[in-house]
Amino acid sequence: MPRTILAGVTALTLAGVAACGGGEGETQRPAGATALYDALPESIKEAGVIRFAGDSHPPYRIVANDGKTVTGIDKDVQEALGKALGVPTEISIVSGLPAALSGMLASRYDAFNGPVKDTAEREKQFDAIVWMVTRTSYLIPKAGSSAIKSSGDLCGKRVAGTAGSITEDQAKRLTEWCTKQGKPTLSFIGFADTNGTILAATSGRADAAGMTESAALDVMGKQKDAFTYVTQTDEQGAGVDQLAMLVPKSSGLGPVMLDAFKEIFKNGEYKKIMDKYGLQNVAVEEPRMNTAAAQ
């Protein structure tokens, strides 16, 4: 339901409450509101929902054939955060990272859960709450994998990846390593979402599909014996990227969302979700906000 309609419905409800003795201009505290609810921005309270942007990116967001029903890590994390905040959540499917970022700045969405890398540049406009880490991996169709046994073999190859994602940045570092080794550079081909990158690899338009390691493992689990994968090394500029939820600074939601993350770490929901998807190796000990600018 559009935010304007939700806000209108909420306003009518509050008007009725005021007529029955509620204070004029007050936002009615809903049943089941938590201790964190009072700290939420008024715009969220009035709308009665936190709207997340999200593209198709298994296993984070698995979009059903109807284009609306979403399951996966993101859905589980957002529902846990919503319970901690006392406000329901919803996901709107968008086409890639640029659409999510511009949509948040235009106030169409309140947050985006990535997976997106926390950077000092992004922290100028967004509060970035780090809640997991990752390495970049490259999914390779077995039908064409004979020449690719390690990430170094990607030099001179075509790599598909989500445009503007961590993968694109990692591919640049890998191609710099290739140049230093006297090898040909790899060619990065940008797509709107992970499904597009996998299709490019399986159709022969790319030699490999770059993505987070958790996403690569998810694909291999669902399409058994169809792929192999290699992981970029520290020597090739990989490191371990911090993945964050982005929230527009102007909204004032960031600090409250950080507290909600702390709550789901404390009550065990975070661990339960990470265990469910086999992500123990990329879990963090505690959530942190805006760490990139401080480095």
Protein backbone atom coordinates (compact mmCIF):
# COMPACT_ATOMS: atom_id res chain seq x y z
CA MET A 1 0.00 0.00 0.00
CA PRO A 2 1.50 3.43 -0.89
CA ARG A 3 2.84 5.42 2.03
CA THR A 4 0.52 8.36 1.32
CA ILE A 5 -2.50 6.09 1.67
CA LEU A 6 -1.13 4.47 4.82
CA ALA A 7 -0.47 7.88 6.31
CA GLY A 8 -3.97 9.01 5.41
CA VAL A 9 -5.55 5.96 7.01
CA THR A 10 -3.46 6.48 10.13
CA ALA A 11 -4.42 10.15 10.27
CA LEU A 12 -8.14 9.30 10.09
CA THR A 13 -7.70 6.73 12.85
CA LEU A 14 -5.93 9.23 15.06
CA ALA A 15 -8.60 11.83 14.42
CA GLY A 16 -11.16 9.36 15.74
CA VAL A 17 -9.04 8.73 18.82
CA ALA A 18 -8.71 12.46 19.47
CA ALA A 19 -12.47 12.89 19.22
CA CYS A 20 -12.83 10.26 21.94
CA GLY A 21 -10.53 12.09 24.34
CA GLY A 22 -6.99 11.62 22.89
CA GLY A 23 -4.72 14.65 22.86
CA GLU A 24 -4.93 16.69 19.68
CA GLY A 25 -1.97 16.12 17.33
CA GLU A 26 -0.75 13.06 19.24
CA THR A 27 0.25 9.84 17.49
CA GLN A 28 -1.57 6.93 19.09
CA ARG A 29 0.86 4.36 20.52
CA PRO A 30 -0.19 1.05 18.90
CA ALA A 31 -0.87 -2.12 20.82
CA GLY A 32 2.30 -4.18 21.07
CA ALA A 33 4.60 -1.16 20.76
CA THR A 34 8.05 -1.82 22.20
CA ALA A 35 10.42 0.31 24.25
CA LEU A 36 12.13 1.33 21.00
CA TYR A 37 8.90 2.48 19.37
CA ASP A 38 8.92 5.88 21.10
CA ALA A 39 12.32 6.71 19.57
CA LEU A 40 11.10 6.17 15.99
CA PRO A 41 10.77 9.22 13.70
CA GLU A 42 7.23 10.62 13.60
CA SER A 43 7.01 9.87 9.86
CA ILE A 44 7.40 6.14 10.59
CA LYS A 45 4.87 6.22 13.40
CA GLU A 46 2.33 8.02 11.20
CA ALA A 47 2.83 5.63 8.28
CA GLY A 48 2.66 2.60 10.56
CA VAL A 49 5.21 0.66 8.48
CA ILE A 50 8.92 0.63 7.60
CA ARG A 51 9.42 0.31 3.85
CA PHE A 52 12.51 -1.48 2.55
CA ALA A 53 13.75 -1.38 -1.02
CA GLY A 54 15.18 -4.62 -2.38
CA ASP A 55 16.20 -6.20 -5.66
CA SER A 56 16.18 -9.91 -6.49
CA HIS A 57 19.27 -11.29 -4.77
CA PRO A 58 19.06 -14.88 -3.45
CA PRO A 59 19.48 -15.92 -0.68
CA TYR A 60 18.97 -12.41 0.70
CA ARG A 61 15.79 -11.76 -1.25
CA ILE A 62 14.11 -14.62 -3.12
CA VAL A 63 11.33 -13.14 -5.24
CA ALA A 64 8.44 -15.41 -6.21
CA ASN A 65 6.97 -15.54 -9.72
CA ASP A 66 4.34 -12.97 -8.76
CA GLY A 67 7.13 -10.39 -8.43
CA LYS A 68 5.92 -9.38 -4.96
CA THR A 69 6.25 -12.27 -2.52
CA VAL A 70 9.71 -12.21 -0.92
CA THR A 71 11.45 -14.78 1.26
CA GLY A 72 15.07 -15.14 2.39
CA ILE A 73 17.55 -13.62 4.81
CA ASP A 74 16.30 -10.07 4.29
CA LYS A 75 12.70 -10.97 5.02
CA ASP A 76 13.65 -12.77 8.22
CA VAL A 77 15.97 -9.99 9.42
CA GLN A 78 13.45 -7.27 8.66
CA GLU A 79 10.63 -9.08 10.45
CA ALA A 80 12.86 -9.51 13.52
CA LEU A 81 13.74 -5.80 13.44
CA GLY A 82 10.08 -4.88 13.02
CA LYS A 83 9.18 -6.88 16.12
CA ALA A 84 11.94 -5.15 18.08
CA LEU A 85 10.63 -1.76 16.96
CA GLY A 86 6.94 -2.55 17.24
CA VAL A 87 6.27 -1.64 13.59
CA PRO A 88 5.58 -3.97 10.63
CA THR A 89 7.93 -4.00 7.63
CA GLU A 90 7.44 -4.47 3.89
CA ILE A 91 9.73 -4.91 0.88
CA SER A 92 9.28 -3.20 -2.47
CA ILE A 93 11.19 -4.85 -5.32
CA VAL A 94 13.34 -2.41 -7.33
CA SER A 95 15.77 -2.81 -10.20
CA GLY A 96 19.23 -2.71 -8.69
CA LEU A 97 21.23 -0.60 -6.23
CA PRO A 98 20.88 2.82 -7.97
CA ALA A 99 17.08 2.55 -7.80
CA ALA A 100 17.24 1.66 -4.12
CA LEU A 101 19.56 4.57 -3.26
CA SER A 102 17.63 7.18 -5.25
CA GLY A 103 14.33 5.84 -3.92
CA MET A 104 15.50 6.28 -0.32
CA LEU A 105 16.73 9.82 -0.98
CA ALA A 106 13.33 10.59 -2.51
CA SER A 107 11.62 9.21 0.64
CA ARG A 108 9.91 6.37 -1.23
CA TYR A 109 11.73 3.84 0.95
CA ASP A 110 13.10 3.99 4.48
CA ALA A 111 15.98 1.51 4.21
CA PHE A 112 17.90 -0.91 2.00
CA ASN A 113 19.54 -4.02 3.40
CA GLY A 114 21.92 -4.76 0.55
CA PRO A 115 24.06 -6.74 0.55
CA VAL A 116 25.85 -3.43 0.10
CA LYS A 117 29.33 -2.38 1.15
CA ASP A 118 29.77 0.24 3.84
CA THR A 119 31.88 3.08 2.40
CA ALA A 120 32.83 6.56 3.61
CA GLU A 121 31.23 8.05 0.48
CA ARG A 122 27.88 6.40 1.18
CA GLU A 123 28.02 7.48 4.80
CA LYS A 124 27.77 11.11 3.66
CA GLN A 125 24.10 10.53 2.85
CA PHE A 126 23.23 7.32 4.68
CA ASP A 127 23.68 5.80 8.11
CA ALA A 128 25.29 2.40 7.50
CA ILE A 129 24.62 -0.34 10.04
CA VAL A 130 27.12 -3.18 9.61
CA TRP A 131 25.61 -6.57 10.45
CA MET A 132 27.71 -9.09 8.50
CA VAL A 133 30.87 -9.47 6.39
CA THR A 134 31.58 -11.26 3.13
CA ARG A 135 34.08 -12.20 0.48
CA THR A 136 33.46 -12.01 -3.25
CA SER A 137 33.17 -15.28 -5.14
CA TYR A 138 32.75 -16.15 -8.79
CA LEU A 139 30.23 -18.76 -9.89
CA ILE A 140 31.36 -20.76 -12.93
CA PRO A 141 29.15 -23.07 -15.04
CA LYS A 142 30.74 -26.52 -15.07
CA ALA A 143 30.12 -26.74 -18.80
CA GLY A 144 32.72 -24.04 -19.39
CA SER A 145 34.89 -24.22 -16.29
CA SER A 146 37.89 -26.14 -17.64
CA ALA A 147 40.07 -23.02 -17.90
CA ILE A 148 39.02 -21.52 -14.54
CA LYS A 149 40.41 -23.36 -11.54
CA SER A 150 41.20 -20.34 -9.35
CA SER A 151 40.33 -16.64 -9.17
CA GLY A 152 43.60 -15.85 -10.94
CA ASP A 153 42.29 -17.69 -14.00
CA LEU A 154 39.61 -14.99 -14.40
CA CYS A 155 42.18 -12.64 -15.93
CA GLY A 156 41.12 -12.06 -19.53
CA LYS A 157 37.65 -13.50 -18.86
CA ARG A 158 34.19 -11.93 -18.90
CA VAL A 159 32.66 -11.53 -15.43
CA ALA A 160 28.99 -10.68 -14.89
CA GLY A 161 27.96 -8.90 -11.71
CA THR A 162 25.39 -6.56 -10.24
CA ALA A 163 26.13 -2.99 -11.34
CA GLY A 164 27.25 -0.73 -8.49
CA SER A 165 27.65 -3.64 -6.09
CA ILE A 166 30.56 -4.90 -3.99
CA THR A 167 31.29 -7.34 -6.79
CA GLU A 168 31.99 -4.55 -9.28
CA ASP A 169 34.45 -2.94 -6.87
CA GLN A 170 36.12 -6.30 -6.19
CA ALA A 171 36.37 -7.04 -9.92
CA LYS A 172 38.27 -3.75 -10.38
CA ARG A 173 40.76 -4.82 -7.72
CA LEU A 174 41.13 -8.22 -9.33
CA THR A 175 41.78 -6.70 -12.74
CA GLU A 176 44.46 -4.45 -11.18
CA TRP A 177 46.10 -7.59 -9.81
CA CYS A 178 45.91 -9.19 -13.26
CA THR A 179 47.72 -6.19 -14.77
CA LYS A 180 50.49 -6.38 -12.16
CA GLN A 181 50.93 -10.05 -13.02
CA GLY A 182 51.30 -9.20 -16.69
CA LYS A 183 47.99 -10.89 -17.49
CA PRO A 184 45.08 -9.53 -19.53
CA THR A 185 42.41 -7.63 -17.61
CA LEU A 186 39.00 -9.14 -16.99
CA SER A 187 35.88 -7.56 -18.49
CA PHE A 188 33.09 -6.70 -16.05
CA ILE A 189 29.52 -6.78 -17.38
CA GLY A 190 26.97 -5.05 -15.15
CA PHE A 191 23.41 -6.33 -14.62
CA ALA A 192 20.47 -5.15 -12.54
CA ASP A 193 20.33 -8.18 -10.25
CA THR A 194 21.89 -11.55 -9.41
CA ASN A 195 19.47 -13.49 -11.61
CA GLY A 196 20.74 -11.54 -14.61
CA THR A 197 24.36 -12.35 -13.78
CA ILE A 198 23.65 -16.08 -13.44
CA LEU A 199 21.75 -16.11 -16.73
CA ALA A 200 24.64 -14.34 -18.45
CA ALA A 201 27.06 -17.02 -17.25
CA THR A 202 24.85 -19.97 -18.15
CA SER A 203 24.02 -18.54 -21.58
CA GLY A 204 27.66 -17.97 -22.49
CA ARG A 205 27.57 -14.18 -22.45
CA ALA A 206 29.95 -14.27 -19.47
CA ASP A 207 32.50 -16.79 -18.22
CA ALA A 208 31.60 -16.31 -14.55
CA ALA A 209 29.06 -14.59 -12.32
CA GLY A 210 30.45 -12.57 -9.42
CA MET A 211 28.49 -12.39 -6.14
CA THR A 212 28.86 -12.75 -2.40
CA GLU A 213 30.10 -16.14 -1.23
CA SER A 214 26.81 -16.80 0.58
CA ALA A 215 24.90 -16.16 -2.65
CA ALA A 216 27.22 -18.48 -4.61
CA LEU A 217 26.71 -21.27 -2.07
CA ASP A 218 22.95 -20.75 -2.23
CA VAL A 219 22.90 -21.11 -6.03
CA MET A 220 25.08 -24.22 -5.92
CA GLY A 221 22.78 -25.77 -3.33
CA LYS A 222 19.72 -25.20 -5.50
CA GLN A 223 21.32 -26.20 -8.81
CA LYS A 224 23.44 -29.15 -7.79
CA ASP A 225 26.33 -30.16 -10.07
CA ALA A 226 25.73 -27.15 -12.35
CA PHE A 227 28.46 -24.84 -11.03
CA THR A 228 31.79 -24.53 -9.31
CA TYR A 229 33.07 -21.36 -7.66
CA VAL A 230 36.32 -19.61 -6.79
CA THR A 231 36.89 -16.93 -4.16
CA GLN A 232 39.00 -13.80 -4.56
CA THR A 233 42.10 -13.73 -2.34
CA ASP A 234 43.53 -11.01 -0.10
CA GLU A 235 46.50 -10.75 -2.48
CA GLN A 236 44.01 -9.88 -5.21
CA GLY A 237 42.54 -7.05 -3.14
CA ALA A 238 39.62 -8.92 -1.65
CA GLY A 239 39.88 -8.44 2.10
CA VAL A 240 36.65 -8.91 4.00
CA ASP A 241 33.97 -6.37 3.12
CA GLN A 242 31.56 -5.09 5.73
CA LEU A 243 27.94 -5.34 4.65
CA ALA A 244 25.49 -2.78 5.92
CA MET A 245 21.88 -1.72 6.01
CA LEU A 246 21.59 1.80 4.62
CA VAL A 247 19.16 4.35 6.06
CA PRO A 248 18.96 8.00 4.89
CA LYS A 249 20.60 10.27 7.48
CA SER A 250 17.87 12.85 6.98
CA SER A 251 15.21 10.44 8.26
CA GLY A 252 16.62 10.05 11.77
CA LEU A 253 15.89 6.31 11.62
CA GLY A 254 19.52 5.14 11.67
CA PRO A 255 20.28 5.30 15.42
CA VAL A 256 16.95 3.63 16.27
CA MET A 257 17.59 0.88 13.72
CA LEU A 258 21.02 0.30 15.28
CA ASP A 259 19.33 -0.21 18.64
CA ALA A 260 16.89 -2.65 17.01
CA PHE A 261 19.84 -4.64 15.65
CA LYS A 262 21.39 -4.67 19.11
CA GLU A 263 18.12 -6.06 20.45
CA ILE A 264 17.98 -8.96 17.95
CA PHE A 265 21.62 -9.76 18.73
CA LYS A 266 20.75 -9.79 22.42
CA ASN A 267 17.58 -11.89 22.15
CA GLY A 268 19.17 -14.50 19.87
CA GLU A 269 17.14 -13.79 16.71
CA TYR A 270 20.23 -12.71 14.77
CA LYS A 271 22.08 -15.95 15.54
CA LYS A 272 18.99 -18.00 14.72
CA ILE A 273 18.72 -16.38 11.27
CA MET A 274 22.44 -16.71 10.50
CA ASP A 275 22.37 -20.37 11.54
CA LYS A 276 19.27 -21.01 9.42
CA TYR A 277 21.07 -19.88 6.26
CA GLY A 278 24.48 -21.34 7.15
CA LEU A 279 26.11 -17.91 7.48
CA GLN A 280 28.01 -18.48 10.72
CA ASN A 281 31.32 -17.66 9.01
CA VAL A 282 30.19 -14.17 7.97
CA ALA A 283 28.38 -13.21 11.19
CA VAL A 284 29.70 -10.34 13.34
CA GLU A 285 29.91 -10.16 17.13
CA GLU A 286 27.91 -6.94 17.32
CA PRO A 287 26.28 -4.43 14.95
CA ARG A 288 28.10 -1.12 14.39
CA MET A 289 27.17 2.06 12.57
CA ASN A 290 29.18 4.30 10.23
CA THR A 291 32.51 2.55 10.66
CA ALA A 292 33.96 3.33 7.21
CA ALA A 293 34.42 7.09 7.71
CA ALA A 294 36.31 6.47 10.95
CA GLN A 295 38.90 4.22 9.28
